[in-house]
Amino acid sequence: MRKAIVTEKGPKPIGPYSQAVVEGDFIFLAGQGCTNPSTGELELGDARSETKRTFENIEAILQAAGSSLEDVMKCNVYLRDINDFAAMNEVYETFFSAPFPARTTIQAGALPGGIAVEIECIAKKGRKKAQKKARKKAQKKAQKAR
């Protein structure tokens, strides 16, 4: 059953979409940009600063969904200008470790609000959370057997 993720620590949607949706073991994050969730204002800057803010927003939403960047399987990166690829990539690699998620990066041209970077991703539910849930289930089963 599809469940919407809502957190004040991530930017509020500006249209008819959810910050993220959980379905089964997967979390599908909507495209995020450089909006400051506290003010609702865009923090426009260069590709590096916008990528950093974007990943801070992604982290907050993943955390609200019980996951983290460690569980990201796939990212789609949209750039206003493909010439910003190196700058975005420099920041991108600081948020992940090997094995890196699969990724597609394209020049999208005009992005909402004139932002330089928008990133969406797909993640698995957090491993720690899944392990904790499995332990609780096993404990309940053991108690019933007594």
Protein backbone atom coordinates (compact mmCIF):
# COMPACT_ATOMS: atom_id res chain seq x y z
CA MET A 1 0.00 0.00 0.00
CA ARG A 2 1.37 3.37 -1.02
CA LYS A 3 2.26 5.69 1.88
CA ALA A 4 3.17 9.36 1.51
CA ILE A 5 6.10 10.75 3.50
CA VAL A 6 5.65 14.21 4.97
CA THR A 7 8.29 16.03 6.99
CA GLU A 8 8.75 19.66 7.98
CA LYS A 9 12.52 19.06 7.64
CA GLY A 10 12.12 18.85 3.86
CA PRO A 11 10.69 21.43 1.45
CA LYS A 12 6.92 21.46 1.18
CA PRO A 13 5.65 20.32 -2.23
CA ILE A 14 4.72 23.20 -4.51
CA GLY A 15 2.19 21.13 -6.43
CA PRO A 16 0.07 17.99 -6.28
CA TYR A 17 2.82 15.54 -5.31
CA SER A 18 4.35 13.99 -2.19
CA GLN A 19 7.85 14.60 -0.88
CA ALA A 20 8.27 10.84 -1.15
CA VAL A 21 6.15 7.72 -1.44
CA VAL A 22 6.87 4.36 0.15
CA GLU A 23 5.68 1.27 -1.67
CA GLY A 24 6.81 -2.12 -0.42
CA ASP A 25 10.53 -1.95 0.33
CA PHE A 26 11.17 1.11 -1.83
CA ILE A 27 11.08 4.86 -1.28
CA PHE A 28 10.52 7.09 -4.31
CA LEU A 29 11.61 10.69 -3.69
CA ALA A 30 10.20 13.53 -5.73
CA GLY A 31 12.71 15.81 -7.39
CA GLN A 32 14.33 18.08 -4.82
CA GLY A 33 16.07 21.39 -5.29
CA CYS A 34 17.70 24.08 -3.21
CA THR A 35 14.67 25.20 -1.19
CA ASN A 36 15.35 25.96 2.46
CA PRO A 37 12.65 23.99 4.32
CA SER A 38 12.63 26.45 7.23
CA THR A 39 11.88 29.51 5.11
CA GLY A 40 10.36 27.95 1.98
CA GLU A 41 12.72 30.16 -0.05
CA LEU A 42 15.10 29.05 -2.77
CA GLU A 43 18.79 29.27 -1.86
CA LEU A 44 19.99 30.08 -5.35
CA GLY A 45 23.73 29.95 -5.88
CA ASP A 46 26.27 28.06 -7.89
CA ALA A 47 25.87 24.37 -8.77
CA ARG A 48 27.97 23.32 -5.75
CA SER A 49 25.92 25.15 -3.14
CA GLU A 50 22.62 24.13 -4.74
CA THR A 51 23.69 20.47 -4.91
CA LYS A 52 24.66 20.56 -1.22
CA ARG A 53 21.29 22.04 -0.17
CA THR A 54 19.48 19.57 -2.42
CA PHE A 55 21.19 16.61 -0.74
CA GLU A 56 20.44 18.03 2.72
CA ASN A 57 16.77 18.05 1.70
CA ILE A 58 16.99 14.51 0.32
CA GLU A 59 18.64 13.29 3.55
CA ALA A 60 15.85 14.81 5.67
CA ILE A 61 13.12 13.15 3.61
CA LEU A 62 14.90 9.78 3.57
CA GLN A 63 15.32 9.98 7.34
CA ALA A 64 11.59 10.69 7.74
CA ALA A 65 10.96 7.57 5.66
CA GLY A 66 13.26 5.47 7.88
CA SER A 67 16.12 5.33 5.40
CA SER A 68 19.34 7.13 4.50
CA LEU A 69 21.63 7.95 1.60
CA GLU A 70 23.33 4.58 2.18
CA ASP A 71 20.14 2.95 0.91
CA VAL A 72 19.82 4.96 -2.32
CA MET A 73 19.82 2.69 -5.36
CA LYS A 74 19.29 5.20 -8.21
CA CYS A 75 19.52 8.96 -8.71
CA ASN A 76 18.36 11.11 -11.58
CA VAL A 77 20.12 14.46 -11.73
CA TYR A 78 18.73 17.31 -13.81
CA LEU A 79 21.02 20.24 -14.59
CA ARG A 80 20.07 23.59 -16.02
CA ASP A 81 23.45 23.57 -17.77
CA ILE A 82 25.49 20.42 -18.47
CA ASN A 83 28.61 22.56 -17.98
CA ASP A 84 27.80 22.37 -14.23
CA PHE A 85 28.35 18.59 -14.30
CA ALA A 86 31.83 18.67 -12.71
CA ALA A 87 30.77 21.04 -9.93
CA MET A 88 27.66 18.99 -9.14
CA ASN A 89 29.64 15.74 -9.30
CA GLU A 90 32.26 17.10 -6.88
CA VAL A 91 29.58 17.61 -4.21
CA TYR A 92 27.57 14.52 -5.18
CA GLU A 93 30.46 12.17 -4.42
CA THR A 94 30.78 13.55 -0.87
CA PHE A 95 27.28 12.30 -0.01
CA PHE A 96 27.85 8.69 -1.14
CA SER A 97 30.42 5.96 -0.78
CA ALA A 98 31.16 2.95 -2.98
CA PRO A 99 29.31 1.15 -4.30
CA PHE A 100 27.71 4.32 -5.62
CA PRO A 101 24.05 4.40 -6.69
CA ALA A 102 23.23 4.05 -10.36
CA ARG A 103 22.76 7.49 -11.86
CA THR A 104 21.51 9.38 -14.87
CA THR A 105 22.47 13.03 -15.37
CA ILE A 106 20.95 15.20 -18.07
CA GLN A 107 20.72 18.83 -19.04
CA ALA A 108 17.09 19.63 -18.52
CA GLY A 109 17.25 23.26 -19.55
CA ALA A 110 14.75 25.33 -17.60
CA LEU A 111 14.13 24.01 -14.08
CA PRO A 112 11.45 25.36 -11.70
CA GLY A 113 12.38 28.68 -10.11
CA GLY A 114 15.54 28.97 -12.17
CA ILE A 115 17.41 26.45 -10.00
CA ALA A 116 20.64 24.90 -11.30
CA VAL A 117 20.12 21.36 -9.97
CA GLU A 118 17.20 19.03 -9.26
CA ILE A 119 17.70 15.49 -7.98
CA GLU A 120 15.27 12.62 -7.51
CA CYS A 121 16.09 9.18 -6.20
CA ILE A 122 14.87 5.72 -5.34
CA ALA A 123 15.99 4.12 -2.08
CA LYS A 124 15.33 0.93 -0.20
CA LYS A 125 13.83 1.10 3.24
CA GLY A 126 16.55 1.45 5.84
CA ARG A 127 18.35 -1.77 6.62
CA LYS A 128 18.50 -1.01 10.34
CA LYS A 129 14.76 -0.38 10.46
CA ALA A 130 14.04 -3.60 8.54
CA GLN A 131 16.31 -5.58 10.87
CA LYS A 132 14.61 -4.08 13.94
CA LYS A 133 11.19 -4.96 12.52
CA ALA A 134 12.32 -8.54 11.83
CA ARG A 135 13.65 -8.86 15.41
CA LYS A 136 10.35 -7.62 16.86
CA LYS A 137 8.42 -10.08 14.69
CA ALA A 138 10.67 -12.94 15.83
CA GLN A 139 10.27 -11.90 19.49
CA LYS A 140 6.46 -11.86 19.16
CA LYS A 141 6.54 -15.28 17.52
CA ALA A 142 8.73 -16.62 20.34
CA GLN A 143 6.39 -15.20 22.98
CA LYS A 144 3.38 -16.85 21.34
CA ALA A 145 5.22 -20.18 21.29
CA ARG A 146 5.75 -20.06 25.07
